[in-house]
N, C-alpha and C. Protein backbone atom coordinates (compact mmCIF):
# COMPACT_ATOMS: atom_id res chain seq x y z
N UNK A 1 0.68 -1.29 0.10
CA UNK A 1 0.02 -0.10 -0.11
C UNK A 1 1.04 1.21 -0.07
N UNK A 2 1.70 1.20 0.86
CA UNK A 2 2.91 2.19 0.89
C UNK A 2 3.39 2.85 -0.30
N UNK A 3 3.93 1.81 -0.95
CA UNK A 3 4.67 1.82 -2.21
C UNK A 3 3.51 2.44 -3.55
N UNK A 4 2.44 1.83 -3.42
CA UNK A 4 1.42 2.54 -4.39
C UNK A 4 1.22 3.96 -3.98
N UNK A 5 1.16 4.17 -2.79
CA UNK A 5 0.66 5.75 -2.32
C UNK A 5 2.10 6.71 -2.66
N UNK A 6 2.89 5.72 -2.51
CA UNK A 6 4.16 7.16 -2.69
C UNK A 6 4.17 7.17 -4.65
N UNK A 7 3.95 6.23 -5.29
CA UNK A 7 4.24 6.16 -6.82
C UNK A 7 2.98 7.10 -6.96
N UNK A 8 1.79 7.02 -6.84
CA UNK A 8 0.71 7.92 -7.22
C UNK A 8 0.91 9.58 -6.79
N UNK A 9 1.64 9.89 -5.31
CA UNK A 9 2.16 11.01 -5.03
C UNK A 9 3.25 11.65 -6.08
N UNK A 10 4.03 10.81 -6.58
CA UNK A 10 4.96 11.06 -7.38
C UNK A 10 4.45 11.53 -8.81
N UNK A 11 3.74 10.63 -9.27
CA UNK A 11 2.95 10.94 -10.53
C UNK A 11 2.08 11.98 -10.47
N UNK A 12 1.04 12.37 -9.47
CA UNK A 12 0.39 13.61 -9.08
C UNK A 12 1.26 14.91 -9.41
N UNK A 13 2.44 14.72 -8.68
CA UNK A 13 3.55 15.72 -8.50
C UNK A 13 3.90 16.13 -10.07
N UNK A 14 4.14 15.41 -11.11
CA UNK A 14 4.62 15.32 -12.27
C UNK A 14 3.39 16.36 -12.85
N UNK A 15 2.00 15.47 -12.95
CA UNK A 15 1.13 15.86 -13.80
C UNK A 15 0.64 17.63 -13.26
N UNK A 16 0.75 17.73 -11.99
CA UNK A 16 0.53 19.15 -11.29
C UNK A 16 1.54 20.24 -11.75
N UNK A 17 3.23 19.73 -12.09
CA UNK A 17 4.12 20.41 -12.69
C UNK A 17 3.63 20.75 -14.25
N UNK A 18 3.41 19.53 -14.84
CA UNK A 18 3.26 19.68 -16.28
C UNK A 18 1.89 20.92 -16.44
N UNK A 19 0.60 20.62 -15.89
CA UNK A 19 -0.50 21.49 -15.91
C UNK A 19 -0.02 23.13 -15.47
N UNK A 20 0.91 23.13 -14.43
CA UNK A 20 1.39 24.71 -14.39
C UNK A 20 2.21 24.98 -15.24
N UNK A 21 3.19 24.14 -16.06
CA UNK A 21 3.86 24.90 -17.19
C UNK A 21 3.22 24.96 -18.55
N UNK A 22 2.17 24.01 -18.74
CA UNK A 22 1.43 24.40 -19.68
C UNK A 22 0.24 25.57 -19.85
N UNK A 23 0.28 25.88 -18.55
CA UNK A 23 -0.82 27.09 -18.12
C UNK A 23 0.29 28.31 -18.29
N UNK A 24 1.31 28.16 -17.86
CA UNK A 24 2.41 29.18 -18.29
C UNK A 24 2.88 29.23 -19.53
N UNK A 25 3.21 28.56 -20.24
CA UNK A 25 3.45 28.48 -21.93
C UNK A 25 2.13 29.19 -22.63
N UNK A 26 0.90 29.42 -21.98
CA UNK A 26 -0.26 29.90 -22.90
C UNK A 26 -0.09 31.50 -22.31
N UNK A 27 0.99 32.36 -21.39
CA UNK A 27 1.03 33.39 -21.60
C UNK A 27 2.01 34.22 -22.04
N UNK A 28 2.60 33.26 -22.65
CA UNK A 28 4.47 33.98 -23.32
C UNK A 28 3.74 34.72 -24.54
N UNK A 29 2.48 34.62 -25.00
CA UNK A 29 2.49 35.56 -26.34
C UNK A 29 1.02 36.38 -26.00
N UNK A 30 1.11 37.48 -26.55
CA UNK A 30 0.23 38.83 -26.37
C UNK A 30 -0.92 38.19 -27.33
N UNK A 31 -2.11 38.75 -27.28
CA UNK A 31 -3.40 38.61 -28.42
C UNK A 31 -2.86 38.83 -29.51
N UNK A 32 -2.10 39.38 -30.05
CA UNK A 32 -1.55 39.41 -31.48
C UNK A 32 -0.60 38.37 -31.66
N UNK A 33 -0.20 37.31 -30.93
CA UNK A 33 0.88 36.58 -31.12
C UNK A 33 2.28 36.93 -31.22
N UNK A 34 2.46 38.25 -30.39
CA UNK A 34 3.81 38.63 -30.41
C UNK A 34 4.31 37.82 -28.84
N UNK A 35 5.66 37.95 -28.80
CA UNK A 35 6.49 37.87 -27.51
C UNK A 35 5.96 38.60 -26.60
N UNK A 36 5.88 38.37 -25.51
CA UNK A 36 5.45 39.39 -24.43
C UNK A 36 6.93 39.98 -23.75
N UNK A 37 7.25 40.86 -23.21
CA UNK A 37 8.40 40.93 -22.59
C UNK A 37 8.33 40.46 -21.13
N UNK A 38 9.51 40.40 -20.89
CA UNK A 38 9.64 39.46 -19.63
C UNK A 38 8.89 39.96 -18.52
N UNK A 39 9.05 41.14 -18.51
CA UNK A 39 8.53 41.79 -17.25
C UNK A 39 6.96 41.82 -17.21
N UNK A 40 6.21 41.84 -18.37
CA UNK A 40 4.76 41.28 -18.68
C UNK A 40 4.74 40.09 -18.33
N UNK A 41 5.16 39.11 -18.79
CA UNK A 41 5.07 37.69 -18.44
C UNK A 41 5.11 37.59 -17.11
N UNK A 42 6.48 37.99 -16.56
CA UNK A 42 6.57 37.94 -15.00
C UNK A 42 5.21 38.45 -14.08
N UNK A 43 4.75 39.50 -14.51
CA UNK A 43 3.43 40.13 -13.78
C UNK A 43 2.41 38.90 -14.17
N UNK A 44 2.16 38.59 -15.22
CA UNK A 44 1.06 37.52 -15.65
C UNK A 44 1.23 36.24 -15.04
N UNK A 45 2.69 35.96 -14.58
CA UNK A 45 2.49 34.43 -14.47
C UNK A 45 2.24 34.74 -12.75
N UNK A 46 2.23 35.68 -12.00
CA UNK A 46 2.45 35.74 -10.63
C UNK A 46 1.12 34.99 -10.07
N UNK A 47 -0.27 35.16 -10.85
CA UNK A 47 -1.41 34.38 -10.46
C UNK A 47 -1.54 32.78 -10.68
N UNK A 48 -0.85 32.48 -11.36
CA UNK A 48 -0.36 30.77 -11.63
C UNK A 48 0.27 30.45 -10.54
N UNK A 49 1.52 31.36 -10.03
CA UNK A 49 2.45 30.90 -8.91
C UNK A 49 1.70 30.64 -7.52
N UNK A 50 0.79 31.60 -7.56
CA UNK A 50 0.26 31.83 -6.36
C UNK A 50 -0.68 30.85 -6.13
N UNK A 51 -1.53 30.53 -7.20
CA UNK A 51 -2.43 29.39 -7.40
C UNK A 51 -1.99 27.94 -7.06
N UNK A 52 -1.22 27.86 -8.07
CA UNK A 52 -0.23 26.31 -7.80
C UNK A 52 0.63 26.20 -6.36
N UNK A 53 1.05 27.37 -5.93
CA UNK A 53 2.13 27.36 -5.06
C UNK A 53 1.38 27.65 -3.54
N UNK A 54 0.32 28.19 -3.50
CA UNK A 54 -0.19 28.47 -2.13
C UNK A 54 -1.72 27.78 -1.90
N UNK A 55 -2.61 28.21 -3.06
CA UNK A 55 -3.78 28.03 -2.97
C UNK A 55 -3.98 26.35 -3.03
N UNK A 56 -3.19 25.97 -4.07
CA UNK A 56 -3.82 24.38 -4.15
C UNK A 56 -2.87 23.66 -3.51
N UNK A 57 -1.48 24.19 -3.37
CA UNK A 57 -0.67 23.21 -2.68
C UNK A 57 -1.20 23.00 -1.02
N UNK A 58 -1.81 23.74 -0.15
CA UNK A 58 -2.22 23.45 1.13
C UNK A 58 -3.55 22.49 1.09
N UNK A 59 -4.42 23.05 -0.22
CA UNK A 59 -5.28 21.77 -0.26
C UNK A 59 -4.76 20.42 -0.51
N UNK A 60 -3.96 20.21 -1.35
CA UNK A 60 -3.50 19.05 -1.86
C UNK A 60 -2.86 18.39 -0.87
N UNK A 61 -2.04 19.19 -0.09
CA UNK A 61 -1.31 18.49 1.07
C UNK A 61 -2.41 17.95 1.68
N UNK A 62 -3.20 18.70 2.38
CA UNK A 62 -4.31 18.33 3.49
C UNK A 62 -4.95 16.72 2.85
N UNK A 63 -5.54 17.07 1.68
CA UNK A 63 -5.97 16.04 0.89
C UNK A 63 -5.29 14.63 0.82
N UNK A 64 -3.77 14.83 0.60
CA UNK A 64 -2.81 13.83 0.49
C UNK A 64 -2.91 13.07 2.00
N UNK A 65 -2.36 13.89 3.03
CA UNK A 65 -2.69 13.36 4.16
C UNK A 65 -3.81 12.42 4.96
N UNK A 66 -4.84 13.27 4.54
CA UNK A 66 -6.19 12.39 4.78
C UNK A 66 -6.29 11.27 3.90
N UNK A 67 -6.04 11.22 2.54
CA UNK A 67 -6.27 10.22 1.82
C UNK A 67 -5.24 8.83 2.14
N UNK A 68 -4.03 9.10 2.66
CA UNK A 68 -2.87 8.14 2.99
C UNK A 68 -3.75 7.51 4.30
N UNK A 69 -4.01 8.34 5.10
CA UNK A 69 -4.69 7.60 6.41
C UNK A 69 -6.04 6.76 6.08
N UNK A 70 -6.72 7.45 5.42
CA UNK A 70 -7.96 6.43 4.97
C UNK A 70 -7.38 5.23 4.32
N UNK A 71 -6.24 5.39 3.35
CA UNK A 71 -6.11 4.16 2.45
C UNK A 71 -5.36 3.21 3.74
N UNK A 72 -4.82 3.58 4.36
CA UNK A 72 -4.00 2.72 5.65
C UNK A 72 -5.14 2.09 6.12
N UNK A 73 -6.35 3.01 6.61
CA UNK A 73 -7.12 2.42 7.52
C UNK A 73 -7.90 1.15 6.57
N UNK A 74 -8.35 1.76 5.34
CA UNK A 74 -8.88 0.60 4.41
C UNK A 74 -8.04 -1.08 4.57
N UNK A 75 -6.93 -0.56 4.64
CA UNK A 75 -5.75 -1.88 4.46
C UNK A 75 -6.32 -2.61 5.48
N UNK A 76 -6.70 -2.27 6.88
CA UNK A 76 -6.60 -3.05 8.12
C UNK A 76 -8.05 -3.31 8.54
N UNK A 77 -8.95 -2.93 7.74
CA UNK A 77 -10.33 -3.31 7.51
C UNK A 77 -10.53 -4.64 8.14
N UNK A 78 -11.10 -5.33 8.99
CA UNK A 78 -11.51 -6.46 9.68
C UNK A 78 -13.35 -6.88 9.12
N UNK A 79 -13.64 -7.65 8.19
CA UNK A 79 -14.87 -8.04 7.67
C UNK A 79 -15.84 -8.39 8.73
N UNK A 80 -15.08 -8.57 10.06
CA UNK A 80 -16.10 -9.14 11.37
C UNK A 80 -16.70 -7.41 12.12
N UNK A 81 -16.59 -6.42 11.25
CA UNK A 81 -16.83 -4.79 11.84
C UNK A 81 -17.37 -4.53 10.60
N UNK A 82 -18.49 -3.36 10.80
CA UNK A 82 -19.15 -2.67 9.88
C UNK A 82 -18.10 -1.43 10.09
N UNK A 83 -18.25 -0.24 8.77
CA UNK A 83 -17.73 0.83 8.61
C UNK A 83 -18.82 1.73 9.18
N UNK A 84 -18.60 2.98 10.06
CA UNK A 84 -19.44 3.98 10.02
C UNK A 84 -18.79 5.57 9.61
N UNK A 85 -19.48 5.84 8.72
CA UNK A 85 -19.02 7.55 8.40
C UNK A 85 -19.16 8.45 9.61
N UNK A 86 -17.90 9.20 9.21
CA UNK A 86 -18.21 10.31 10.57
C UNK A 86 -17.33 11.49 10.26
N UNK A 87 -18.09 12.69 10.62
CA UNK A 87 -17.47 13.79 10.19
C UNK A 87 -16.93 14.09 11.24
N UNK A 88 -16.21 15.51 11.61
CA UNK A 88 -15.60 16.10 12.64
C UNK A 88 -16.32 16.58 13.59
N UNK A 89 -17.74 16.76 13.16
CA UNK A 89 -18.91 16.72 14.07
C UNK A 89 -18.86 18.23 14.61
N UNK A 90 -18.23 19.53 13.62
CA UNK A 90 -18.27 20.45 14.74
C UNK A 90 -19.13 21.55 13.25
N UNK A 91 -18.66 23.12 13.71
CA UNK A 91 -19.29 23.74 13.21
C UNK A 91 -18.73 24.28 11.48
N UNK A 92 -17.51 23.58 11.11
CA UNK A 92 -16.85 23.49 9.97
C UNK A 92 -17.44 22.74 9.11
N UNK A 93 -18.13 21.79 9.51
CA UNK A 93 -18.51 20.24 8.50
C UNK A 93 -19.30 21.24 7.40
N UNK A 94 -19.26 20.85 6.53
CA UNK A 94 -20.22 21.16 5.02
C UNK A 94 -21.55 20.22 5.32
N UNK A 95 -22.32 20.97 5.16
CA UNK A 95 -24.01 20.44 5.14
C UNK A 95 -24.17 18.97 4.87
N UNK A 96 -23.65 19.21 3.16
CA UNK A 96 -23.51 17.79 2.42
C UNK A 96 -22.85 16.89 3.16
N UNK A 97 -21.68 16.75 3.90
CA UNK A 97 -21.00 15.72 4.47
C UNK A 97 -21.72 15.67 5.94
N UNK A 98 -22.27 16.32 6.45
CA UNK A 98 -23.22 16.20 7.67
C UNK A 98 -24.07 15.11 7.62
N UNK A 99 -24.86 15.24 6.32
CA UNK A 99 -25.81 14.19 5.87
C UNK A 99 -25.53 12.92 5.77
N UNK A 100 -23.85 12.80 5.90
CA UNK A 100 -23.12 11.21 5.78
C UNK A 100 -22.83 10.75 6.89
N UNK A 101 -22.85 11.79 8.25
CA UNK A 101 -22.28 11.36 9.50
C UNK A 101 -23.32 10.26 9.92
N UNK A 102 -22.55 9.30 10.72
CA UNK A 102 -23.17 8.16 11.21
C UNK A 102 -23.81 6.82 10.31
N UNK A 103 -23.64 7.34 8.88
CA UNK A 103 -23.84 5.97 7.74
C UNK A 103 -23.05 4.78 8.23
N UNK A 104 -23.90 3.49 8.65
CA UNK A 104 -23.36 2.61 9.12
C UNK A 104 -23.37 1.43 7.91
N UNK A 105 -22.54 0.89 7.27
CA UNK A 105 -22.98 -0.09 6.52
C UNK A 105 -21.23 -0.93 6.41
N UNK A 106 -21.81 -2.60 5.84
CA UNK A 106 -20.82 -3.44 6.09
C UNK A 106 -19.56 -2.89 5.06
N UNK A 107 -18.47 -3.50 5.41
CA UNK A 107 -17.12 -2.74 4.53
C UNK A 107 -17.61 -3.24 2.97
N UNK A 108 -18.14 -4.20 2.82
CA UNK A 108 -17.90 -4.58 1.49
C UNK A 108 -19.24 -3.98 0.54
N UNK A 109 -20.04 -3.14 1.18
CA UNK A 109 -21.35 -2.40 0.89
C UNK A 109 -20.79 -1.76 -0.35
N UNK A 110 -21.54 -1.67 -1.60
CA UNK A 110 -20.95 -0.48 -2.48
C UNK A 110 -20.72 1.30 -2.34
N UNK A 111 -21.37 1.25 -1.19
CA UNK A 111 -21.27 2.70 -0.73
C UNK A 111 -19.84 3.33 -0.63
N UNK A 112 -19.15 2.08 -0.14
CA UNK A 112 -17.66 2.60 0.24
C UNK A 112 -16.68 2.74 -1.12
N UNK A 113 -17.25 2.13 -2.14
CA UNK A 113 -16.67 2.15 -3.36
C UNK A 113 -16.29 3.47 -4.02
N UNK A 114 -17.26 4.73 -3.69
CA UNK A 114 -17.58 5.89 -4.18
C UNK A 114 -17.45 6.82 -3.09
N UNK A 115 -17.59 6.66 -1.91
CA UNK A 115 -17.91 7.75 -0.92
C UNK A 115 -17.12 7.24 0.64
N UNK A 116 -16.12 6.47 0.47
CA UNK A 116 -15.23 6.47 1.34
C UNK A 116 -14.26 7.53 1.36
N UNK A 117 -14.23 8.19 2.50
CA UNK A 117 -13.79 9.91 3.12
C UNK A 117 -11.81 9.73 2.42
N UNK A 118 -11.49 10.63 2.09
CA UNK A 118 -12.04 11.93 2.16
C UNK A 118 -12.79 12.11 0.98
N UNK A 119 -14.05 13.00 1.12
CA UNK A 119 -14.63 13.39 -0.15
C UNK A 119 -14.79 14.85 -0.77
N UNK A 120 -13.65 15.46 -0.55
CA UNK A 120 -13.47 16.81 -1.16
C UNK A 120 -12.48 17.37 -0.98
N UNK A 121 -11.86 18.57 -1.24
CA UNK A 121 -10.65 19.54 -0.48
C UNK A 121 -10.77 19.63 1.03
N UNK A 122 -10.24 19.51 1.88
CA UNK A 122 -10.23 19.82 3.01
C UNK A 122 -11.06 19.09 3.78
N UNK A 123 -11.61 18.05 3.40
CA UNK A 123 -12.61 16.95 3.78
C UNK A 123 -11.74 16.62 4.78
N UNK A 124 -12.37 16.45 6.59
CA UNK A 124 -11.91 15.81 7.39
C UNK A 124 -12.64 14.82 8.01
N UNK A 125 -13.52 14.25 7.08
CA UNK A 125 -14.50 13.10 7.43
C UNK A 125 -13.40 11.68 7.55
N UNK A 126 -14.02 10.49 8.07
CA UNK A 126 -13.28 9.52 8.59
C UNK A 126 -14.40 8.29 8.27
N UNK A 127 -13.75 6.99 8.20
CA UNK A 127 -14.65 5.87 8.28
C UNK A 127 -14.06 4.93 9.36
N UNK A 128 -14.79 4.55 10.33
CA UNK A 128 -14.02 3.83 11.55
C UNK A 128 -14.87 2.70 11.53
N UNK A 129 -14.10 1.53 12.39
CA UNK A 129 -14.78 0.49 12.36
C UNK A 129 -15.92 0.11 13.42
N UNK A 130 -16.80 -0.08 13.31
CA UNK A 130 -17.69 -0.46 14.54
C UNK A 130 -17.96 -1.93 14.51
N UNK A 131 -18.68 -2.52 15.98
CA UNK A 131 -18.71 -3.63 16.07
C UNK A 131 -20.11 -4.00 15.10
N UNK A 132 -20.33 -4.87 14.58
CA UNK A 132 -21.81 -5.48 14.06
C UNK A 132 -22.68 -5.49 14.91
N UNK A 133 -24.12 -4.51 14.74
CA UNK A 133 -24.94 -5.01 15.60
C UNK A 133 -25.00 -3.84 16.32
N UNK A 134 -23.66 -2.93 16.96
CA UNK A 134 -24.04 -2.09 17.84
C UNK A 134 -24.64 -0.97 17.24
N UNK A 135 -24.89 -0.73 15.91
CA UNK A 135 -25.44 0.58 15.38
C UNK A 135 -26.45 0.27 13.94
N UNK A 136 -27.65 0.67 14.12
CA UNK A 136 -28.51 0.00 13.42
C UNK A 136 -28.07 0.32 11.87
N UNK A 137 -28.18 -0.53 10.73
CA UNK A 137 -27.58 -0.47 9.49
C UNK A 137 -28.45 0.69 8.83
N UNK A 138 -27.70 1.20 7.79
CA UNK A 138 -28.24 2.49 7.52
C UNK A 138 -28.70 1.71 5.83
N UNK A 139 -29.64 2.32 5.34
CA UNK A 139 -29.95 1.90 3.78
C UNK A 139 -29.09 2.45 3.06
N UNK A 140 -28.57 1.20 2.37
CA UNK A 140 -27.30 1.44 1.26
C UNK A 140 -27.78 2.43 -0.13
N UNK A 141 -29.07 2.42 -0.28
CA UNK A 141 -29.45 3.12 -1.67
C UNK A 141 -29.68 4.48 -0.97
N UNK A 142 -30.10 4.86 0.11
CA UNK A 142 -30.48 6.16 0.44
C UNK A 142 -28.97 6.73 0.80
N UNK A 143 -28.06 6.01 1.35
CA UNK A 143 -26.74 6.32 1.92
C UNK A 143 -25.92 6.68 0.40
N UNK A 144 -26.11 6.21 -0.62
CA UNK A 144 -25.64 6.41 -1.82
C UNK A 144 -26.10 7.58 -2.43
N UNK A 145 -27.46 7.85 -2.51
CA UNK A 145 -28.07 9.06 -2.59
C UNK A 145 -27.61 10.38 -1.94
N UNK A 146 -27.22 10.13 -0.65
CA UNK A 146 -26.46 11.25 0.26
C UNK A 146 -25.25 11.42 -0.24
N UNK A 147 -24.71 10.43 -0.70
CA UNK A 147 -22.97 10.52 -1.24
C UNK A 147 -23.03 11.33 -2.49
N UNK A 148 -23.94 11.07 -3.46
CA UNK A 148 -24.02 11.58 -4.66
C UNK A 148 -24.44 12.96 -4.41
N UNK A 149 -25.17 13.44 -3.36
CA UNK A 149 -25.12 14.98 -3.06
C UNK A 149 -24.15 15.35 -2.50
N UNK A 150 -23.41 14.86 -1.56
CA UNK A 150 -22.15 15.24 -1.33
C UNK A 150 -20.86 15.36 -2.43
N UNK A 151 -20.92 14.82 -3.41
CA UNK A 151 -20.01 15.14 -4.20
C UNK A 151 -20.59 15.49 -5.61
N UNK A 152 -21.22 16.58 -5.32
CA UNK A 152 -22.31 17.12 -6.70
C UNK A 152 -22.22 18.69 -6.27
N UNK A 153 -21.54 19.20 -7.43
CA UNK A 153 -21.35 20.74 -7.60
C UNK A 153 -20.71 20.70 -8.78
N UNK A 154 -22.61 21.67 -9.72
CA UNK A 154 -22.33 21.59 -10.92
C UNK A 154 -21.75 23.07 -11.20
N UNK A 155 -20.63 23.01 -12.38
CA UNK A 155 -20.10 24.26 -12.51
C UNK A 155 -20.90 24.81 -13.56
N UNK A 156 -20.26 26.12 -14.39
CA UNK A 156 -20.77 26.76 -15.27
C UNK A 156 -21.14 25.86 -16.67
N UNK A 157 -20.31 25.17 -16.82
CA UNK A 157 -20.04 24.14 -17.92
C UNK A 157 -21.28 23.04 -18.12
N UNK A 158 -22.06 23.19 -16.67
CA UNK A 158 -22.83 21.72 -16.42
C UNK A 158 -22.19 20.40 -16.13
N UNK A 159 -20.81 20.67 -15.68
CA UNK A 159 -20.21 19.43 -15.21
C UNK A 159 -20.12 19.34 -13.56
N UNK A 160 -20.08 18.10 -13.12
CA UNK A 160 -20.06 18.17 -11.85
C UNK A 160 -18.41 17.80 -11.13
N UNK A 161 -18.08 19.25 -10.65
CA UNK A 161 -16.57 19.36 -10.17
C UNK A 161 -16.10 18.46 -9.18
N UNK A 162 -17.20 17.90 -8.47
CA UNK A 162 -16.82 17.24 -7.41
C UNK A 162 -17.04 15.73 -7.71
N UNK A 163 -17.41 15.13 -8.64
CA UNK A 163 -17.45 13.85 -8.98
C UNK A 163 -15.92 13.30 -8.94
N UNK A 164 -15.07 13.87 -8.95
CA UNK A 164 -13.89 13.26 -9.17
C UNK A 164 -13.42 12.61 -7.83
N UNK A 165 -14.11 13.18 -6.80
CA UNK A 165 -13.65 12.37 -5.39
C UNK A 165 -14.47 11.27 -4.98
N UNK A 166 -15.31 10.57 -5.95
CA UNK A 166 -16.03 9.48 -5.85
C UNK A 166 -14.92 8.13 -6.15
N UNK A 167 -14.11 8.11 -5.40
CA UNK A 167 -13.26 6.81 -5.24
C UNK A 167 -12.72 6.76 -3.54
N UNK A 168 -11.89 5.55 -3.64
CA UNK A 168 -11.80 4.76 -2.53
C UNK A 168 -10.33 4.64 -2.41
N UNK A 169 -9.58 5.63 -1.96
CA UNK A 169 -7.84 5.35 -1.82
C UNK A 169 -7.56 4.17 -1.46
N UNK A 170 -7.87 3.52 -0.44
CA UNK A 170 -7.46 1.95 -0.10
C UNK A 170 -7.96 1.30 -1.29
N UNK A 171 -8.82 1.21 -1.77
CA UNK A 171 -9.20 -0.01 -3.07
C UNK A 171 -8.29 0.37 -4.03
N UNK A 172 -8.37 1.54 -4.61
CA UNK A 172 -7.60 1.82 -5.95
C UNK A 172 -6.15 2.06 -5.55
N UNK A 173 -5.38 2.40 -4.46
CA UNK A 173 -4.18 2.57 -3.97
C UNK A 173 -4.03 3.84 -4.47
N UNK A 174 -4.75 4.77 -4.48
CA UNK A 174 -4.24 5.93 -4.96
C UNK A 174 -4.63 7.19 -4.13
N UNK A 175 -3.95 8.16 -4.00
CA UNK A 175 -3.87 9.22 -2.79
C UNK A 175 -4.77 10.73 -3.50
N UNK A 176 -4.72 10.46 -4.60
CA UNK A 176 -5.35 11.78 -5.35
C UNK A 176 -6.19 11.36 -6.48
N UNK A 177 -7.69 11.98 -6.42
CA UNK A 177 -8.42 11.48 -7.32
C UNK A 177 -7.99 10.92 -8.72
N UNK A 178 -8.41 9.89 -8.98
CA UNK A 178 -7.86 9.50 -10.47
C UNK A 178 -8.47 10.16 -11.54
N UNK A 179 -9.64 10.75 -11.39
CA UNK A 179 -10.37 11.77 -12.55
C UNK A 179 -10.18 13.04 -12.22
N UNK A 180 -8.65 13.39 -11.57
CA UNK A 180 -8.51 14.81 -11.52
C UNK A 180 -8.22 15.40 -12.51
N UNK A 181 -8.42 16.70 -12.84
CA UNK A 181 -8.13 17.62 -14.24
C UNK A 181 -6.72 17.63 -14.51
N UNK A 182 -5.86 17.42 -13.71
CA UNK A 182 -4.32 17.52 -13.80
C UNK A 182 -4.12 16.05 -14.85
N UNK A 183 -5.15 15.15 -15.03
CA UNK A 183 -4.82 14.06 -15.71
C UNK A 183 -5.14 14.49 -17.23
N UNK A 184 -5.76 15.44 -17.49
CA UNK A 184 -6.57 15.74 -18.64
C UNK A 184 -5.54 17.04 -19.43
N UNK A 185 -4.32 17.39 -18.97
CA UNK A 185 -3.78 18.32 -19.57
C UNK A 185 -2.74 17.94 -20.56
N UNK A 186 -2.70 18.62 -21.67
CA UNK A 186 -1.72 17.90 -22.86
C UNK A 186 -0.51 17.58 -22.03
N UNK A 187 0.05 16.23 -22.44
CA UNK A 187 1.31 15.76 -21.90
C UNK A 187 1.04 14.73 -20.88
N UNK A 188 -0.30 14.58 -20.25
CA UNK A 188 -0.43 13.79 -19.08
C UNK A 188 -0.62 12.59 -19.31
N UNK A 189 -0.71 12.02 -20.71
CA UNK A 189 -0.80 10.55 -20.83
C UNK A 189 0.47 10.21 -20.96
N UNK A 190 1.59 11.04 -21.25
CA UNK A 190 3.19 10.69 -21.30
C UNK A 190 3.48 10.75 -20.20
N UNK A 191 3.12 11.26 -19.21
CA UNK A 191 3.72 11.47 -18.05
C UNK A 191 3.42 9.97 -16.97
N UNK A 192 2.22 9.68 -17.26
CA UNK A 192 1.62 8.45 -16.77
C UNK A 192 2.19 7.19 -17.09
N UNK A 193 2.56 7.48 -18.18
CA UNK A 193 2.88 5.87 -18.99
C UNK A 193 4.54 6.02 -18.57
N UNK A 194 5.41 6.83 -18.28
CA UNK A 194 6.57 6.86 -17.69
C UNK A 194 6.71 5.63 -16.37
N UNK A 195 7.81 5.16 -16.39
CA UNK A 195 8.06 4.26 -14.97
C UNK A 195 8.87 5.08 -13.97
N UNK A 196 8.36 4.81 -13.26
CA UNK A 196 9.22 5.48 -12.24
C UNK A 196 10.29 4.75 -11.58
């Protein structure tokens, strides 16, 4: 598990760098296709640097830590126990995630394929093992409907930008969402096909 997660983090880092460089390359020319001066290019690229190095970096760090912990927990699940979804249960919990709190299902329930936490950037939710029968089992279909709602946010193009979080880091042995947009940037296929 550890080796798989390290490899995924390495690939994700390469994909992120590729995406950042691709975005930067788009800023080299003016609207009339002439090369910008360095001072203009440097000014224009500041927003990219801030996004990738501050805004995205913190969210990705937090997600990587949470995802790796969830994957490690998944690797140690016993079929003798059920899993229960738990939020941090404080005022910072998203309403959509709060609706998942206390969902209790067997570890082999299809719900956990898509909604095993973390379920978004800065998600602090966990899934814990609980003794079978200690908590009433949730309705799997209703739980999945709530999971769909928790991972749905339609953007201006009509795409669900939270659907990328519908994966189980322990099952997939991936730290970052396999459907993350970095995987779609020009050059991403070549990066993913390289051997580490």
